[in-house]
Every structure is written in structure tokens, then in C-alpha cells.
C-alpha atoms as a PDB file:
ATOM      1  CA  LYS A   1     -21.694  27.918  14.454  1.00  0.00           C
ATOM      2  CA  LEU A   2     -21.923  25.823  11.323  1.00  0.00           C
ATOM      3  CA  ASP A   3     -25.040  23.775  10.691  1.00  0.00           C
ATOM      4  CA  PRO A   4     -24.141  20.130   9.973  1.00  0.00           C
ATOM      5  CA  VAL A   5     -27.364  19.736   7.985  1.00  0.00           C
ATOM      6  CA  SER A   6     -26.721  22.546   5.512  1.00  0.00           C
ATOM      7  CA  GLU A   7     -22.901  22.298   5.456  1.00  0.00           C
ATOM      8  CA  PRO A   8     -21.979  18.719   6.397  1.00  0.00           C
ATOM      9  CA  GLY A   9     -18.735  18.581   4.399  1.00  0.00           C
ATOM     10  CA  VAL A  10     -17.309  21.655   6.114  1.00  0.00           C
ATOM     11  CA  VAL A  11     -18.305  20.408   9.559  1.00  0.00           C
ATOM     12  CA  ARG A  12     -16.778  16.946   8.927  1.00  0.00           C
ATOM     13  CA  ASP A  13     -13.555  18.541   7.695  1.00  0.00           C
ATOM     14  CA  LEU A  14     -13.330  20.797  10.752  1.00  0.00           C
ATOM     15  CA  LEU A  15     -13.909  17.875  13.137  1.00  0.00           C
ATOM     16  CA  ILE A  16     -11.110  15.866  11.501  1.00  0.00           C
ATOM     17  CA  HIS A  17      -8.686  18.797  11.590  1.00  0.00           C
ATOM     18  CA  GLU A  18      -9.603  19.582  15.201  1.00  0.00           C
ATOM     19  CA  ALA A  19      -8.787  15.991  16.183  1.00  0.00           C
ATOM     20  CA  ASP A  20      -5.524  16.096  14.206  1.00  0.00           C
ATOM     21  CA  LEU A  21      -4.447  19.349  15.890  1.00  0.00           C
ATOM     22  CA  SER A  22      -5.328  18.087  19.361  1.00  0.00           C
ATOM     23  CA  GLY A  23      -3.296  14.935  18.758  1.00  0.00           C
ATOM     24  CA  ALA A  24      -0.323  16.838  17.326  1.00  0.00           C
ATOM     25  CA  LEU A  25      -0.295  19.183  20.316  1.00  0.00           C
ATOM     26  CA  GLY A  26      -0.708  16.334  22.797  1.00  0.00           C
ATOM     27  CA  VAL A  27      -3.993  17.795  24.042  1.00  0.00           C
ATOM     28  CA  ALA A  28      -6.572  15.254  25.202  1.00  0.00           C
ATOM     29  CA  ASP A  29      -9.491  17.163  23.689  1.00  0.00           C
ATOM     30  CA  ALA A  30     -11.124  14.744  21.258  1.00  0.00           C
ATOM     31  CA  PRO A  31     -14.374  15.630  19.504  1.00  0.00           C
ATOM     32  CA  PRO A  32     -17.529  14.153  21.087  1.00  0.00           C
ATOM     33  CA  ALA A  33     -18.143  10.460  20.368  1.00  0.00           C
ATOM     34  CA  ALA A  34     -21.327  11.277  18.423  1.00  0.00           C
ATOM     35  CA  ALA A  35     -19.344  13.584  16.122  1.00  0.00           C
ATOM     36  CA  VAL A  36     -16.672  10.928  15.531  1.00  0.00           C
ATOM     37  CA  ALA A  37     -19.380   8.344  14.735  1.00  0.00           C
ATOM     38  CA  TRP A  38     -21.021  10.784  12.274  1.00  0.00           C
ATOM     39  CA  VAL A  39     -17.722  11.368  10.437  1.00  0.00           C
ATOM     40  CA  LEU A  40     -16.931   7.640  10.463  1.00  0.00           C
ATOM     41  CA  ASP A  41     -20.348   6.762   8.995  1.00  0.00           C
ATOM     42  CA  PHE A  42     -19.798   9.235   6.158  1.00  0.00           C
ATOM     43  CA  ALA A  43     -16.226   8.101   5.507  1.00  0.00           C
ATOM     44  CA  LEU A  44     -17.078   4.401   5.466  1.00  0.00           C
ATOM     45  CA  GLY A  45     -20.007   5.081   3.130  1.00  0.00           C
ATOM     46  CA  ASP A  46     -17.702   6.987   0.780  1.00  0.00           C
ATOM     47  CA  LEU A  47     -15.099   4.225   0.998  1.00  0.00           C
ATOM     48  CA  GLY A  48     -17.764   1.631   0.190  1.00  0.00           C
ATOM     49  CA  ARG A  49     -18.858   3.618  -2.873  1.00  0.00           C
ATOM     50  CA  ARG A  50     -15.260   3.795  -4.111  1.00  0.00           C
ATOM     51  CA  ILE A  51     -14.706   0.086  -3.489  1.00  0.00           C
ATOM     52  CA  ASP A  52     -17.866  -0.764  -5.440  1.00  0.00           C
ATOM     53  CA  GLU A  53     -16.988   1.564  -8.328  1.00  0.00           C
ATOM     54  CA  ALA A  54     -13.571  -0.098  -8.599  1.00  0.00           C
ATOM     55  CA  GLY A  55     -15.111  -3.584  -8.540  1.00  0.00           C
ATOM     56  CA  LEU A  56     -13.062  -4.589  -5.502  1.00  0.00           C
ATOM     57  CA  ALA A  57     -13.887  -6.992  -2.693  1.00  0.00           C
ATOM     58  CA  GLY A  58     -15.583  -5.413   0.280  1.00  0.00           C
ATOM     59  CA  LEU A  59     -13.955  -4.868   3.644  1.00  0.00           C
ATOM     60  CA  ARG A  60     -14.955  -6.017   7.104  1.00  0.00           C
ATOM     61  CA  ILE A  61     -13.805  -3.243   9.437  1.00  0.00           C
ATOM     62  CA  ALA A  62     -13.858  -3.576  13.230  1.00  0.00           C
ATOM     63  CA  VAL A  63     -14.045  -0.326  15.198  1.00  0.00           C
ATOM     64  CA  ASP A  64     -14.203  -0.560  18.992  1.00  0.00           C
ATOM     65  CA  GLY A  65     -15.451  -4.141  18.728  1.00  0.00           C
ATOM     66  CA  ASP A  66     -18.211  -3.206  16.261  1.00  0.00           C
ATOM     67  CA  GLU A  67     -17.854  -4.887  12.857  1.00  0.00           C
ATOM     68  CA  ARG A  68     -18.900  -2.952   9.761  1.00  0.00           C
ATOM     69  CA  MET A  69     -19.175  -4.217   6.186  1.00  0.00           C
ATOM     70  CA  VAL A  70     -17.931  -1.739   3.578  1.00  0.00           C
ATOM     71  CA  GLY A  71     -18.725  -2.376  -0.082  1.00  0.00           C
ATOM     72  CA  GLN A  72     -21.310  -4.651  -1.684  1.00  0.00           C
ATOM     73  CA  ARG A  73     -19.089  -7.604  -2.629  1.00  0.00           C
ATOM     74  CA  ALA A  74     -17.893 -10.350  -0.297  1.00  0.00           C
ATOM     75  CA  PRO A  75     -15.241  -9.019   2.052  1.00  0.00           C
ATOM     76  CA  GLY A  76     -11.537  -9.501   1.669  1.00  0.00           C
ATOM     77  CA  PRO A  77      -9.194  -8.765   4.593  1.00  0.00           C
ATOM     78  CA  ALA A  78     -10.278  -7.219   7.909  1.00  0.00           C
ATOM     79  CA  MET A  79      -8.898  -3.975   9.382  1.00  0.00           C
ATOM     80  CA  ALA A  80      -9.043  -2.899  13.031  1.00  0.00           C
ATOM     81  CA  ALA A  81      -8.365   0.633  14.279  1.00  0.00           C
ATOM     82  CA  LYS A  82      -7.776   1.898  17.797  1.00  0.00           C
ATOM     83  CA  PRO A  83     -10.102   4.737  18.879  1.00  0.00           C
ATOM     84  CA  SER A  84      -7.255   7.275  18.757  1.00  0.00           C
ATOM     85  CA  SER A  85      -6.526   6.456  15.124  1.00  0.00           C
ATOM     86  CA  HIS A  86     -10.072   6.636  13.663  1.00  0.00           C
ATOM     87  CA  GLY A  87      -9.643   9.991  11.954  1.00  0.00           C
ATOM     88  CA  LYS A  88      -6.270   9.173  10.459  1.00  0.00           C
ATOM     89  CA  ALA A  89      -7.277   5.668   9.373  1.00  0.00           C
ATOM     90  CA  VAL A  90     -10.523   6.832   7.808  1.00  0.00           C
ATOM     91  CA  ARG A  91      -8.969   9.872   6.126  1.00  0.00           C
ATOM     92  CA  ALA A  92      -6.167   7.733   4.657  1.00  0.00           C
ATOM     93  CA  ASN A  93      -8.703   5.332   3.146  1.00  0.00           C
ATOM     94  CA  CYS A  94     -11.049   7.964   1.705  1.00  0.00           C
ATOM     95  CA  ARG A  95      -8.702  10.068  -0.399  1.00  0.00           C
END
């Protein structure tokens, strides 16, 4: 097993790919909620860093009814994602 403390990037990548494969195969075998939250926290932090570096307005993102602020500047538009689309939505915004 991989240790998320010593190899967090590899573990995050595997969790995202596992979710993608499960969805593509129509298998209801999502990663545990704690793992999804861990990946989402990382991805939103990375997105916030990129937003700040570009000098863009922040984002207010609602996930499962929980609002998160991403970026240091005042927010622009809001984005909401369904639980089944977290991985894809986050991955699309962090590349």
C-alpha cells in the first residue's frame, strides 16, 4: 500500500483514476468520502494558487451544499458540482 503522507501525489492520482474507471465501467464503487474530500481539498488549494498567480477573481464553489472560497480576491461566478462529478470537475479545473 502507498503511504499518503510520503507519496500524496501518487495516491491522489490513483484515487482519481480509480473513480474514473469505476464510472466508465458503470461500477458503483466510489472511493471513500474521506479520500474524495482529501483530493478535493488539494485540488481546490492548487486551483486557488493558480487563480491568485494569474491575478483573477476568486471563485465561490458549492460542493454538496458546502460553499468554499477559492483564491484570495473577491469571488466572481459560482460553480456547483454534483457528487458524481467531483473528480472530473476538479481535474478539469486544475490542469
